[in-house]
Amino acid sequence: MEKFSQFRDRGSGIAPFLPVTTKSSIFATLFHAVLFVFRFPFFVVYSAAYFLFLQHLPFLPAVIRKLLLWSLLAIPGVWWVDLQLDGVKRGSLSQQPRSRVPGPRSIIAANFTSPIDALYLAAVFDPIFVAAHPSSRKVRPIGLLSAIFAALSPSVQLSSLAEWEAQGGGGDDRLTDLRALVARHPGRAIAVFPECGTTNGRGILPLSPCLVTAPADSAIFPVSLRYTPPDVTTPVLGPKGWAAFAWKLLGRPTHYIRVRIAEGIHNTTGASNGVSTHDAAAAAGAARTGDWEGRAEDQPTAEEQQLLDRVGEALARLGRAKRVGLTLKEKKGFLNAWAKR
């Protein structure tokens, strides 16, 4: 993989876009093939029944939706979950206050590595999913199925700002911000993947400035999800990525999820309280070293950047990863080079 060395972070040496591979013997491969053939029809039929019919039933309570999603996760063997709260001793989760975990009016800022991310968050927290762009403060409400497909969709992860805004031109997909969305749905949590693109879990990409629009009374919970085996991460996009993901997901006997939730972070920046920061944002944007190609008003101020840094550092610490300076612009170049390898 030396030919992809230009897509390694210069500071840490991490290559967050390289797919993770695991060694397997010929007997293990045959066993995986049998599991895949057995599980595939059940998984496809159950998924179609849920996303085409069951989730649209108006009388279906949230607890039943969660049980149905857990059943969907159980088909490929995703049932071993290690859930811990940052700074809380193991075995004392039940003693923690309800405010220590995401709930109504809170923001879930999760790392983005796999289609399983959205399924797990929906099965546990039943949030409203939003799509984010690395150069915009706006977000676009999306459904669970769209959040799942976004993990392997080049048109979603690599779209320009103009293309992304065109995707949310009207209807339920209209562009908004986190403050307005929380006010519109006070009884639900909001889930966003602020990295805007998938990695292999070894690095945290620069975060979208959409987080700075969170209301001051809404806690932002960094949530880290890691998988064992780690090869179900999907940094490589497109049809081949879907085929590889399906093989690894349905061919493994079990998949283990390690979930870590940091303490809630509150947005105390001026933008959260309605103060205009256009000039400061433009000045800070000119001085920043990140790859921000959006409008000046979308670029974070120094104070807002501190909020993004706190969330990014929490995700890196919980996931035992490193923050990297690579962006989706580098990922696009990596995917082009990967296709020509």
C-alpha atoms as a PDB file:
ATOM      1  CA  MET A   1       0.000   0.000   0.000  1.00  0.00           C
ATOM      2  CA  GLU A   2       3.030   2.225  -0.335  1.00  0.00           C
ATOM      3  CA  LYS A   3       1.550   3.788  -3.481  1.00  0.00           C
ATOM      4  CA  PHE A   4      -1.172   5.343  -1.271  1.00  0.00           C
ATOM      5  CA  SER A   5       1.293   6.953   1.124  1.00  0.00           C
ATOM      6  CA  GLN A   6       0.224  10.426  -0.044  1.00  0.00           C
ATOM      7  CA  PHE A   7      -3.138   9.748   1.590  1.00  0.00           C
ATOM      8  CA  ARG A   8      -1.614   9.303   5.033  1.00  0.00           C
ATOM      9  CA  ASP A   9      -1.897  12.041   7.609  1.00  0.00           C
ATOM     10  CA  ARG A  10       1.466  13.789   7.867  1.00  0.00           C
ATOM     11  CA  GLY A  11       1.341  14.215  11.628  1.00  0.00           C
ATOM     12  CA  SER A  12       0.231  10.754  12.713  1.00  0.00           C
ATOM     13  CA  GLY A  13       0.986   8.584   9.675  1.00  0.00           C
ATOM     14  CA  ILE A  14      -2.581   7.222   9.757  1.00  0.00           C
ATOM     15  CA  ALA A  15      -4.317   6.308   6.495  1.00  0.00           C
ATOM     16  CA  PRO A  16      -8.038   6.623   7.392  1.00  0.00           C
ATOM     17  CA  PHE A  17      -9.319   5.722   3.905  1.00  0.00           C
ATOM     18  CA  LEU A  18      -7.610   2.354   3.420  1.00  0.00           C
ATOM     19  CA  PRO A  19      -9.993  -0.614   3.827  1.00  0.00           C
ATOM     20  CA  VAL A  20      -9.313  -2.945   6.744  1.00  0.00           C
ATOM     21  CA  THR A  21      -8.595  -6.557   5.834  1.00  0.00           C
ATOM     22  CA  THR A  22      -8.436  -9.618   8.066  1.00  0.00           C
ATOM     23  CA  LYS A  23      -6.607 -12.853   7.328  1.00  0.00           C
ATOM     24  CA  SER A  24      -8.702 -15.971   6.803  1.00  0.00           C
ATOM     25  CA  SER A  25      -7.924 -19.624   6.102  1.00  0.00           C
ATOM     26  CA  ILE A  26      -9.574 -21.554   3.290  1.00  0.00           C
ATOM     27  CA  PHE A  27     -11.733 -23.463   5.792  1.00  0.00           C
ATOM     28  CA  ALA A  28     -12.872 -20.217   7.422  1.00  0.00           C
ATOM     29  CA  THR A  29     -13.700 -18.820   3.987  1.00  0.00           C
ATOM     30  CA  LEU A  30     -15.841 -21.850   3.181  1.00  0.00           C
ATOM     31  CA  PHE A  31     -17.650 -21.480   6.511  1.00  0.00           C
ATOM     32  CA  HIS A  32     -18.229 -17.793   5.814  1.00  0.00           C
ATOM     33  CA  ALA A  33     -19.634 -18.656   2.395  1.00  0.00           C
ATOM     34  CA  VAL A  34     -22.138 -21.080   3.940  1.00  0.00           C
ATOM     35  CA  LEU A  35     -23.196 -18.458   6.491  1.00  0.00           C
ATOM     36  CA  PHE A  36     -23.550 -15.827   3.768  1.00  0.00           C
ATOM     37  CA  VAL A  37     -25.744 -18.042   1.576  1.00  0.00           C
ATOM     38  CA  PHE A  38     -27.933 -18.967   4.566  1.00  0.00           C
ATOM     39  CA  ARG A  39     -28.328 -15.428   5.943  1.00  0.00           C
ATOM     40  CA  PHE A  40     -28.606 -13.411   2.753  1.00  0.00           C
ATOM     41  CA  PRO A  41     -32.238 -14.224   1.809  1.00  0.00           C
ATOM     42  CA  PHE A  42     -33.450 -13.727   5.399  1.00  0.00           C
ATOM     43  CA  PHE A  43     -31.633 -10.398   5.645  1.00  0.00           C
ATOM     44  CA  VAL A  44     -32.959  -9.101   2.317  1.00  0.00           C
ATOM     45  CA  VAL A  45     -36.567 -10.144   2.988  1.00  0.00           C
ATOM     46  CA  TYR A  46     -36.582  -8.757   6.540  1.00  0.00           C
ATOM     47  CA  SER A  47     -34.954  -5.479   5.455  1.00  0.00           C
ATOM     48  CA  ALA A  48     -37.469  -5.034   2.632  1.00  0.00           C
ATOM     49  CA  ALA A  49     -40.389  -5.764   4.947  1.00  0.00           C
ATOM     50  CA  TYR A  50     -39.211  -3.242   7.523  1.00  0.00           C
ATOM     51  CA  PHE A  51     -38.158  -0.343   5.295  1.00  0.00           C
ATOM     52  CA  LEU A  52     -40.967  -0.711   2.752  1.00  0.00           C
ATOM     53  CA  PHE A  53     -43.849  -1.467   5.108  1.00  0.00           C
ATOM     54  CA  LEU A  54     -43.323  -1.783   8.874  1.00  0.00           C
ATOM     55  CA  GLN A  55     -41.556   1.526   9.544  1.00  0.00           C
ATOM     56  CA  HIS A  56     -44.373   3.440   7.818  1.00  0.00           C
ATOM     57  CA  LEU A  57     -47.130   2.109  10.080  1.00  0.00           C
ATOM     58  CA  PRO A  58     -48.483   5.175  11.941  1.00  0.00           C
ATOM     59  CA  PHE A  59     -49.487   3.225  15.051  1.00  0.00           C
ATOM     60  CA  LEU A  60     -46.137   1.468  15.523  1.00  0.00           C
ATOM     61  CA  PRO A  61     -44.620   2.701  18.839  1.00  0.00           C
ATOM     62  CA  ALA A  62     -40.929   3.534  19.126  1.00  0.00           C
ATOM     63  CA  VAL A  63     -40.194   0.553  21.364  1.00  0.00           C
ATOM     64  CA  ILE A  64     -41.528  -1.853  18.725  1.00  0.00           C
ATOM     65  CA  ARG A  65     -39.433  -0.142  16.016  1.00  0.00           C
ATOM     66  CA  LYS A  66     -36.369  -0.599  18.195  1.00  0.00           C
ATOM     67  CA  LEU A  67     -37.116  -4.288  18.712  1.00  0.00           C
ATOM     68  CA  LEU A  68     -37.560  -4.771  14.973  1.00  0.00           C
ATOM     69  CA  LEU A  69     -34.235  -3.067  14.299  1.00  0.00           C
ATOM     70  CA  TRP A  70     -32.499  -5.208  16.918  1.00  0.00           C
ATOM     71  CA  SER A  71     -33.925  -8.254  15.154  1.00  0.00           C
ATOM     72  CA  LEU A  72     -32.480  -6.953  11.882  1.00  0.00           C
ATOM     73  CA  LEU A  73     -29.080  -6.539  13.540  1.00  0.00           C
ATOM     74  CA  ALA A  74     -29.300 -10.042  15.002  1.00  0.00           C
ATOM     75  CA  ILE A  75     -29.579 -11.727  11.594  1.00  0.00           C
ATOM     76  CA  PRO A  76     -25.902 -10.986  10.694  1.00  0.00           C
ATOM     77  CA  GLY A  77     -24.839 -11.609  14.297  1.00  0.00           C
ATOM     78  CA  VAL A  78     -24.538  -8.009  15.511  1.00  0.00           C
ATOM     79  CA  TRP A  79     -25.627  -8.520  19.103  1.00  0.00           C
ATOM     80  CA  TRP A  80     -22.529  -8.255  21.288  1.00  0.00           C
ATOM     81  CA  VAL A  81     -22.404  -4.652  22.497  1.00  0.00           C
ATOM     82  CA  ASP A  82     -20.055  -3.178  25.103  1.00  0.00           C
ATOM     83  CA  LEU A  83     -21.602   0.140  26.168  1.00  0.00           C
ATOM     84  CA  GLN A  84     -19.715   2.460  28.495  1.00  0.00           C
ATOM     85  CA  LEU A  85     -20.011   6.092  29.557  1.00  0.00           C
ATOM     86  CA  ASP A  86     -16.801   8.102  29.596  1.00  0.00           C
ATOM     87  CA  GLY A  87     -15.541   8.462  33.156  1.00  0.00           C
ATOM     88  CA  VAL A  88     -18.069   6.007  34.630  1.00  0.00           C
ATOM     89  CA  LYS A  89     -16.899   2.805  36.285  1.00  0.00           C
ATOM     90  CA  ARG A  90     -17.974  -0.432  34.651  1.00  0.00           C
ATOM     91  CA  GLY A  91     -21.078  -1.882  36.286  1.00  0.00           C
ATOM     92  CA  SER A  92     -22.468   1.427  37.523  1.00  0.00           C
ATOM     93  CA  LEU A  93     -24.367   2.536  34.418  1.00  0.00           C
ATOM     94  CA  SER A  94     -27.753   2.030  36.073  1.00  0.00           C
ATOM     95  CA  GLN A  95     -26.786   4.503  38.804  1.00  0.00           C
ATOM     96  CA  GLN A  96     -26.142   7.354  36.365  1.00  0.00           C
ATOM     97  CA  PRO A  97     -28.740  10.108  35.777  1.00  0.00           C
ATOM     98  CA  ARG A  98     -30.786  10.043  32.583  1.00  0.00           C
ATOM     99  CA  SER A  99     -29.070  13.247  31.453  1.00  0.00           C
ATOM    100  CA  ARG A 100     -25.807  11.318  31.133  1.00  0.00           C
ATOM    101  CA  VAL A 101     -26.974   9.647  27.911  1.00  0.00           C
ATOM    102  CA  PRO A 102     -28.549  11.134  24.768  1.00  0.00           C
ATOM    103  CA  GLY A 103     -32.237  11.887  25.057  1.00  0.00           C
ATOM    104  CA  PRO A 104     -34.839  14.394  23.831  1.00  0.00           C
ATOM    105  CA  ARG A 105     -33.375  17.734  22.634  1.00  0.00           C
ATOM    106  CA  SER A 106     -29.826  16.342  22.619  1.00  0.00           C
ATOM    107  CA  ILE A 107     -27.399  16.058  19.698  1.00  0.00           C
ATOM    108  CA  ILE A 108     -25.624  12.768  18.943  1.00  0.00           C
ATOM    109  CA  ALA A 109     -22.312  13.446  17.169  1.00  0.00           C
ATOM    110  CA  ALA A 110     -21.084   9.988  16.123  1.00  0.00           C
ATOM    111  CA  ASN A 111     -18.024   8.890  14.217  1.00  0.00           C
ATOM    112  CA  PHE A 112     -18.789   7.596  10.727  1.00  0.00           C
ATOM    113  CA  THR A 113     -17.352   4.221   9.722  1.00  0.00           C
ATOM    114  CA  SER A 114     -20.094   1.836   8.612  1.00  0.00           C
ATOM    115  CA  PRO A 115     -23.781   1.457   7.640  1.00  0.00           C
ATOM    116  CA  ILE A 116     -24.180  -0.309  10.995  1.00  0.00           C
ATOM    117  CA  ASP A 117     -23.652   3.047  12.752  1.00  0.00           C
ATOM    118  CA  ALA A 118     -27.072   4.383  11.782  1.00  0.00           C
ATOM    119  CA  LEU A 119     -28.811   1.060  12.469  1.00  0.00           C
ATOM    120  CA  TYR A 120     -27.382   0.848  15.978  1.00  0.00           C
ATOM    121  CA  LEU A 121     -28.204   4.462  16.846  1.00  0.00           C
ATOM    122  CA  ALA A 122     -31.758   4.000  15.575  1.00  0.00           C
ATOM    123  CA  ALA A 123     -32.195   0.779  17.574  1.00  0.00           C
ATOM    124  CA  VAL A 124     -31.027   2.434  20.808  1.00  0.00           C
ATOM    125  CA  PHE A 125     -31.962   6.128  20.660  1.00  0.00           C
ATOM    126  CA  ASP A 126     -34.547   6.393  17.835  1.00  0.00           C
ATOM    127  CA  PRO A 127     -33.136   9.774  16.707  1.00  0.00           C
ATOM    128  CA  ILE A 128     -33.848  12.013  13.741  1.00  0.00           C
ATOM    129  CA  PHE A 129     -30.936  11.626  11.309  1.00  0.00           C
ATOM    130  CA  VAL A 130     -29.498  14.595   9.451  1.00  0.00           C
ATOM    131  CA  ALA A 131     -26.933  14.817   6.670  1.00  0.00           C
ATOM    132  CA  ALA A 132     -24.107  17.324   7.101  1.00  0.00           C
ATOM    133  CA  HIS A 133     -21.587  18.877   4.720  1.00  0.00           C
ATOM    134  CA  PRO A 134     -17.989  19.756   5.700  1.00  0.00           C
ATOM    135  CA  SER A 135     -18.404  23.315   4.369  1.00  0.00           C
ATOM    136  CA  SER A 136     -21.868  24.255   5.633  1.00  0.00           C
ATOM    137  CA  ARG A 137     -23.641  25.041   8.892  1.00  0.00           C
ATOM    138  CA  LYS A 138     -26.873  23.708   7.427  1.00  0.00           C
ATOM    139  CA  VAL A 139     -28.116  20.147   7.817  1.00  0.00           C
ATOM    140  CA  ARG A 140     -30.629  18.115   5.833  1.00  0.00           C
ATOM    141  CA  PRO A 141     -33.098  15.799   7.619  1.00  0.00           C
ATOM    142  CA  ILE A 142     -32.973  12.287   6.193  1.00  0.00           C
ATOM    143  CA  GLY A 143     -34.522   8.929   7.009  1.00  0.00           C
ATOM    144  CA  LEU A 144     -32.810   5.895   8.498  1.00  0.00           C
ATOM    145  CA  LEU A 145     -32.463   4.171   5.123  1.00  0.00           C
ATOM    146  CA  SER A 146     -30.816   7.268   3.632  1.00  0.00           C
ATOM    147  CA  ALA A 147     -28.421   7.417   6.589  1.00  0.00           C
ATOM    148  CA  ILE A 148     -27.479   3.775   5.986  1.00  0.00           C
ATOM    149  CA  PHE A 149     -26.907   4.266   2.257  1.00  0.00           C
ATOM    150  CA  ALA A 150     -24.896   7.439   2.906  1.00  0.00           C
ATOM    151  CA  ALA A 151     -22.137   5.277   4.403  1.00  0.00           C
ATOM    152  CA  LEU A 152     -21.356   3.859   0.940  1.00  0.00           C
ATOM    153  CA  SER A 153     -22.668   6.534  -1.419  1.00  0.00           C
ATOM    154  CA  PRO A 154     -20.111   8.616  -3.370  1.00  0.00           C
ATOM    155  CA  SER A 155     -22.840  11.066  -4.428  1.00  0.00           C
ATOM    156  CA  VAL A 156     -23.538  11.862  -0.762  1.00  0.00           C
ATOM    157  CA  GLN A 157     -20.040  11.960   0.703  1.00  0.00           C
ATOM    158  CA  LEU A 158     -18.171  13.575  -2.194  1.00  0.00           C
ATOM    159  CA  SER A 159     -20.750  16.093  -3.453  1.00  0.00           C
ATOM    160  CA  SER A 160     -19.784  19.748  -3.733  1.00  0.00           C
ATOM    161  CA  LEU A 161     -21.557  22.321  -1.590  1.00  0.00           C
ATOM    162  CA  ALA A 162     -23.770  23.383  -4.502  1.00  0.00           C
ATOM    163  CA  GLU A 163     -24.686  19.771  -5.316  1.00  0.00           C
ATOM    164  CA  TRP A 164     -25.414  19.027  -1.676  1.00  0.00           C
ATOM    165  CA  GLU A 165     -27.657  22.077  -1.320  1.00  0.00           C
ATOM    166  CA  ALA A 166     -29.493  21.109  -4.515  1.00  0.00           C
ATOM    167  CA  GLN A 167     -30.315  17.731  -2.936  1.00  0.00           C
ATOM    168  CA  GLY A 168     -32.220  19.497  -0.140  1.00  0.00           C
ATOM    169  CA  GLY A 169     -34.253  21.950  -2.142  1.00  0.00           C
ATOM    170  CA  GLY A 170     -37.715  21.327  -0.706  1.00  0.00           C
ATOM    171  CA  GLY A 171     -40.170  19.112   1.105  1.00  0.00           C
ATOM    172  CA  ASP A 172     -38.999  17.180   4.156  1.00  0.00           C
ATOM    173  CA  ASP A 173     -35.430  17.362   2.866  1.00  0.00           C
ATOM    174  CA  ARG A 174     -35.210  21.141   3.048  1.00  0.00           C
ATOM    175  CA  LEU A 175     -32.047  22.572   4.554  1.00  0.00           C
ATOM    176  CA  THR A 176     -32.213  23.800   8.133  1.00  0.00           C
ATOM    177  CA  ASP A 177     -29.931  23.973  11.175  1.00  0.00           C
ATOM    178  CA  LEU A 178     -29.731  22.052  14.432  1.00  0.00           C
ATOM    179  CA  ARG A 179     -31.315  24.841  16.482  1.00  0.00           C
ATOM    180  CA  ALA A 180     -34.441  24.917  14.322  1.00  0.00           C
ATOM    181  CA  LEU A 181     -34.618  21.133  14.166  1.00  0.00           C
ATOM    182  CA  VAL A 182     -34.464  20.746  17.955  1.00  0.00           C
ATOM    183  CA  ALA A 183     -37.230  23.346  18.336  1.00  0.00           C
ATOM    184  CA  ARG A 184     -39.342  21.506  15.768  1.00  0.00           C
ATOM    185  CA  HIS A 185     -38.850  18.063  17.411  1.00  0.00           C
ATOM    186  CA  PRO A 186     -38.364  18.648  21.170  1.00  0.00           C
ATOM    187  CA  GLY A 187     -39.168  15.041  22.009  1.00  0.00           C
ATOM    188  CA  ARG A 188     -36.469  13.459  19.839  1.00  0.00           C
ATOM    189  CA  ALA A 189     -32.683  13.354  19.752  1.00  0.00           C
ATOM    190  CA  ILE A 190     -30.839  14.485  16.601  1.00  0.00           C
ATOM    191  CA  ALA A 191     -28.098  12.251  15.164  1.00  0.00           C
ATOM    192  CA  VAL A 192     -25.404  13.672  12.898  1.00  0.00           C
ATOM    193  CA  PHE A 193     -22.146  12.270  11.514  1.00  0.00           C
ATOM    194  CA  PRO A 194     -20.033  15.454  11.592  1.00  0.00           C
ATOM    195  CA  GLU A 195     -17.104  13.891   9.717  1.00  0.00           C
ATOM    196  CA  CYS A 196     -19.458  13.760   6.679  1.00  0.00           C
ATOM    197  CA  GLY A 197     -17.567  10.801   5.212  1.00  0.00           C
ATOM    198  CA  THR A 198     -16.661   7.292   6.310  1.00  0.00           C
ATOM    199  CA  THR A 199     -13.227   6.192   7.495  1.00  0.00           C
ATOM    200  CA  ASN A 200     -11.752   2.891   8.675  1.00  0.00           C
ATOM    201  CA  GLY A 201     -12.085   4.052  12.287  1.00  0.00           C
ATOM    202  CA  ARG A 202      -8.411   4.880  12.786  1.00  0.00           C
ATOM    203  CA  GLY A 203      -8.728   8.622  12.280  1.00  0.00           C
ATOM    204  CA  ILE A 204     -11.215  11.414  12.962  1.00  0.00           C
ATOM    205  CA  LEU A 205     -11.691  13.808  10.041  1.00  0.00           C
ATOM    206  CA  PRO A 206     -12.236  17.575  10.504  1.00  0.00           C
ATOM    207  CA  LEU A 207     -15.788  18.151  11.712  1.00  0.00           C
ATOM    208  CA  SER A 208     -18.577  20.028   9.973  1.00  0.00           C
ATOM    209  CA  PRO A 209     -19.419  23.490  11.356  1.00  0.00           C
ATOM    210  CA  CYS A 210     -23.073  22.426  11.608  1.00  0.00           C
ATOM    211  CA  LEU A 211     -22.455  21.561  15.273  1.00  0.00           C
ATOM    212  CA  VAL A 212     -22.041  25.237  16.176  1.00  0.00           C
ATOM    213  CA  THR A 213     -25.748  25.787  15.412  1.00  0.00           C
ATOM    214  CA  ALA A 214     -26.810  23.544  18.309  1.00  0.00           C
ATOM    215  CA  PRO A 215     -28.856  25.423  20.929  1.00  0.00           C
ATOM    216  CA  ALA A 216     -27.092  26.216  24.196  1.00  0.00           C
ATOM    217  CA  ASP A 217     -29.487  24.079  26.258  1.00  0.00           C
ATOM    218  CA  SER A 218     -28.947  20.973  24.097  1.00  0.00           C
ATOM    219  CA  ALA A 219     -26.059  18.706  25.053  1.00  0.00           C
ATOM    220  CA  ILE A 220     -23.827  17.438  22.249  1.00  0.00           C
ATOM    221  CA  PHE A 221     -22.879  13.818  23.007  1.00  0.00           C
ATOM    222  CA  PRO A 222     -19.798  12.490  21.158  1.00  0.00           C
ATOM    223  CA  VAL A 223     -20.493   8.797  20.498  1.00  0.00           C
ATOM    224  CA  SER A 224     -17.743   6.427  19.346  1.00  0.00           C
ATOM    225  CA  LEU A 225     -18.569   3.103  17.694  1.00  0.00           C
ATOM    226  CA  ARG A 226     -15.853   0.534  17.000  1.00  0.00           C
ATOM    227  CA  TYR A 227     -16.268  -2.936  15.520  1.00  0.00           C
ATOM    228  CA  THR A 228     -14.574  -6.288  15.985  1.00  0.00           C
ATOM    229  CA  PRO A 229     -13.658  -7.578  13.455  1.00  0.00           C
ATOM    230  CA  PRO A 230     -12.945  -4.074  12.097  1.00  0.00           C
ATOM    231  CA  ASP A 231     -13.361  -5.039   8.429  1.00  0.00           C
ATOM    232  CA  VAL A 232     -17.063  -4.003   8.381  1.00  0.00           C
ATOM    233  CA  THR A 233     -15.930  -0.381   8.127  1.00  0.00           C
ATOM    234  CA  THR A 234     -16.602   1.094   4.686  1.00  0.00           C
ATOM    235  CA  PRO A 235     -14.090   3.747   3.639  1.00  0.00           C
ATOM    236  CA  VAL A 236     -14.266   2.516   0.014  1.00  0.00           C
ATOM    237  CA  LEU A 237     -17.532   3.589  -1.632  1.00  0.00           C
ATOM    238  CA  GLY A 238     -19.681   2.388  -4.529  1.00  0.00           C
ATOM    239  CA  PRO A 239     -20.997  -1.017  -5.706  1.00  0.00           C
ATOM    240  CA  LYS A 240     -17.769  -2.862  -4.909  1.00  0.00           C
ATOM    241  CA  GLY A 241     -17.867  -1.407  -1.422  1.00  0.00           C
ATOM    242  CA  TRP A 242     -21.428  -2.669  -0.966  1.00  0.00           C
ATOM    243  CA  ALA A 243     -20.477  -6.163  -2.155  1.00  0.00           C
ATOM    244  CA  ALA A 244     -17.477  -6.324   0.200  1.00  0.00           C
ATOM    245  CA  PHE A 245     -19.531  -5.017   3.114  1.00  0.00           C
ATOM    246  CA  ALA A 246     -22.353  -7.524   2.558  1.00  0.00           C
ATOM    247  CA  TRP A 247     -19.865 -10.412   2.383  1.00  0.00           C
ATOM    248  CA  LYS A 248     -18.143  -9.404   5.607  1.00  0.00           C
ATOM    249  CA  LEU A 249     -21.364  -8.562   7.440  1.00  0.00           C
ATOM    250  CA  LEU A 250     -23.273 -11.752   6.594  1.00  0.00           C
ATOM    251  CA  GLY A 251     -20.309 -14.121   6.433  1.00  0.00           C
ATOM    252  CA  ARG A 252     -18.988 -13.556   9.964  1.00  0.00           C
ATOM    253  CA  PRO A 253     -20.541 -15.554  12.835  1.00  0.00           C
ATOM    254  CA  THR A 254     -20.709 -12.508  15.149  1.00  0.00           C
ATOM    255  CA  HIS A 255     -19.822  -8.836  15.196  1.00  0.00           C
ATOM    256  CA  TYR A 256     -18.845  -7.003  18.370  1.00  0.00           C
ATOM    257  CA  ILE A 257     -19.628  -3.302  18.872  1.00  0.00           C
ATOM    258  CA  ARG A 258     -17.735  -1.202  21.386  1.00  0.00           C
ATOM    259  CA  VAL A 259     -19.743   1.943  22.169  1.00  0.00           C
ATOM    260  CA  ARG A 260     -18.379   4.844  24.215  1.00  0.00           C
ATOM    261  CA  ILE A 261     -20.414   7.945  25.070  1.00  0.00           C
ATOM    262  CA  ALA A 262     -18.679  11.101  26.271  1.00  0.00           C
ATOM    263  CA  GLU A 263     -20.145  13.602  28.671  1.00  0.00           C
ATOM    264  CA  GLY A 264     -22.438  16.131  27.033  1.00  0.00           C
ATOM    265  CA  ILE A 265     -20.833  19.286  25.621  1.00  0.00           C
ATOM    266  CA  HIS A 266     -22.860  22.503  25.551  1.00  0.00           C
ATOM    267  CA  ASN A 267     -22.530  25.125  22.847  1.00  0.00           C
ATOM    268  CA  THR A 268     -21.659  28.430  24.537  1.00  0.00           C
ATOM    269  CA  THR A 269     -20.485  30.262  21.411  1.00  0.00           C
ATOM    270  CA  GLY A 270     -21.972  33.563  20.276  1.00  0.00           C
ATOM    271  CA  ALA A 271     -23.658  31.976  17.257  1.00  0.00           C
ATOM    272  CA  SER A 272     -25.709  29.743  19.561  1.00  0.00           C
ATOM    273  CA  ASN A 273     -27.175  32.786  21.296  1.00  0.00           C
ATOM    274  CA  GLY A 274     -28.067  34.612  18.114  1.00  0.00           C
ATOM    275  CA  VAL A 275     -25.049  36.992  17.956  1.00  0.00           C
ATOM    276  CA  SER A 276     -23.847  37.822  14.463  1.00  0.00           C
ATOM    277  CA  THR A 277     -20.282  36.606  13.845  1.00  0.00           C
ATOM    278  CA  HIS A 278     -19.971  37.070  10.084  1.00  0.00           C
ATOM    279  CA  ASP A 279     -16.856  39.259  10.130  1.00  0.00           C
ATOM    280  CA  ALA A 280     -15.136  37.180  12.797  1.00  0.00           C
ATOM    281  CA  ALA A 281     -15.952  34.006  10.891  1.00  0.00           C
ATOM    282  CA  ALA A 282     -14.416  35.368   7.706  1.00  0.00           C
ATOM    283  CA  ALA A 283     -11.241  36.390   9.522  1.00  0.00           C
ATOM    284  CA  ALA A 284     -10.967  33.069  11.325  1.00  0.00           C
ATOM    285  CA  GLY A 285     -11.639  31.189   8.107  1.00  0.00           C
ATOM    286  CA  ALA A 286      -8.797  32.966   6.343  1.00  0.00           C
ATOM    287  CA  ALA A 287      -6.407  32.035   9.148  1.00  0.00           C
ATOM    288  CA  ARG A 288      -7.429  28.398   9.503  1.00  0.00           C
ATOM    289  CA  THR A 289      -5.428  25.602   7.958  1.00  0.00           C
ATOM    290  CA  GLY A 290      -8.388  23.282   7.321  1.00  0.00           C
ATOM    291  CA  ASP A 291      -9.895  22.634   3.913  1.00  0.00           C
ATOM    292  CA  TRP A 292     -12.973  24.871   4.013  1.00  0.00           C
ATOM    293  CA  GLU A 293     -14.276  25.915   0.615  1.00  0.00           C
ATOM    294  CA  GLY A 294     -17.687  27.168   1.715  1.00  0.00           C
ATOM    295  CA  ARG A 295     -18.990  30.691   2.187  1.00  0.00           C
ATOM    296  CA  ALA A 296     -17.352  32.966   4.734  1.00  0.00           C
ATOM    297  CA  GLU A 297     -20.400  32.929   6.998  1.00  0.00           C
ATOM    298  CA  ASP A 298     -20.166  29.127   7.243  1.00  0.00           C
ATOM    299  CA  GLN A 299     -16.593  29.108   8.472  1.00  0.00           C
ATOM    300  CA  PRO A 300     -16.229  28.756  12.261  1.00  0.00           C
ATOM    301  CA  THR A 301     -14.830  31.501  14.439  1.00  0.00           C
ATOM    302  CA  ALA A 302     -11.989  30.800  16.852  1.00  0.00           C
ATOM    303  CA  GLU A 303     -14.486  30.228  19.670  1.00  0.00           C
ATOM    304  CA  GLU A 304     -16.623  27.954  17.521  1.00  0.00           C
ATOM    305  CA  GLN A 305     -13.539  26.032  16.437  1.00  0.00           C
ATOM    306  CA  GLN A 306     -12.838  25.292  20.081  1.00  0.00           C
ATOM    307  CA  LEU A 307     -16.253  23.626  20.315  1.00  0.00           C
ATOM    308  CA  LEU A 308     -15.512  21.513  17.230  1.00  0.00           C
ATOM    309  CA  ASP A 309     -12.102  20.622  18.660  1.00  0.00           C
ATOM    310  CA  ARG A 310     -13.662  19.465  21.943  1.00  0.00           C
ATOM    311  CA  VAL A 311     -16.061  17.170  20.093  1.00  0.00           C
ATOM    312  CA  GLY A 312     -13.305  15.890  17.782  1.00  0.00           C
ATOM    313  CA  GLU A 313     -10.918  15.234  20.666  1.00  0.00           C
ATOM    314  CA  ALA A 314     -13.629  13.350  22.554  1.00  0.00           C
ATOM    315  CA  LEU A 315     -14.347  11.137  19.520  1.00  0.00           C
ATOM    316  CA  ALA A 316     -10.631  10.450  19.063  1.00  0.00           C
ATOM    317  CA  ARG A 317     -10.095   9.641  22.740  1.00  0.00           C
ATOM    318  CA  LEU A 318     -13.115   7.351  23.009  1.00  0.00           C
ATOM    319  CA  GLY A 319     -12.305   5.544  19.756  1.00  0.00           C
ATOM    320  CA  ARG A 320      -8.559   5.297  20.457  1.00  0.00           C
ATOM    321  CA  ALA A 321      -8.003   7.087  17.182  1.00  0.00           C
ATOM    322  CA  LYS A 322      -6.132  10.189  16.060  1.00  0.00           C
ATOM    323  CA  ARG A 323      -7.472  13.419  14.645  1.00  0.00           C
ATOM    324  CA  VAL A 324      -6.219  13.837  11.092  1.00  0.00           C
ATOM    325  CA  GLY A 325      -6.013  16.762   8.719  1.00  0.00           C
ATOM    326  CA  LEU A 326      -7.214  14.814   5.682  1.00  0.00           C
ATOM    327  CA  THR A 327     -10.586  15.847   4.279  1.00  0.00           C
ATOM    328  CA  LEU A 328     -13.113  14.487   1.802  1.00  0.00           C
ATOM    329  CA  LYS A 329     -11.134  16.215  -0.934  1.00  0.00           C
ATOM    330  CA  GLU A 330      -8.263  13.815  -0.211  1.00  0.00           C
ATOM    331  CA  LYS A 331     -10.726  10.954   0.031  1.00  0.00           C
ATOM    332  CA  LYS A 332     -11.960  11.684  -3.480  1.00  0.00           C
ATOM    333  CA  GLY A 333      -8.379  11.534  -4.712  1.00  0.00           C
ATOM    334  CA  PHE A 334      -7.811   8.296  -2.808  1.00  0.00           C
ATOM    335  CA  LEU A 335     -10.880   6.631  -4.339  1.00  0.00           C
ATOM    336  CA  ASN A 336      -9.727   7.619  -7.825  1.00  0.00           C
ATOM    337  CA  ALA A 337      -6.306   6.110  -7.135  1.00  0.00           C
ATOM    338  CA  TRP A 338      -7.872   3.010  -5.544  1.00  0.00           C
ATOM    339  CA  ALA A 339     -10.010   2.386  -8.627  1.00  0.00           C
ATOM    340  CA  LYS A 340      -6.872   2.464 -10.824  1.00  0.00           C
ATOM    341  CA  ARG A 341      -4.724   0.214  -8.620  1.00  0.00           C
END
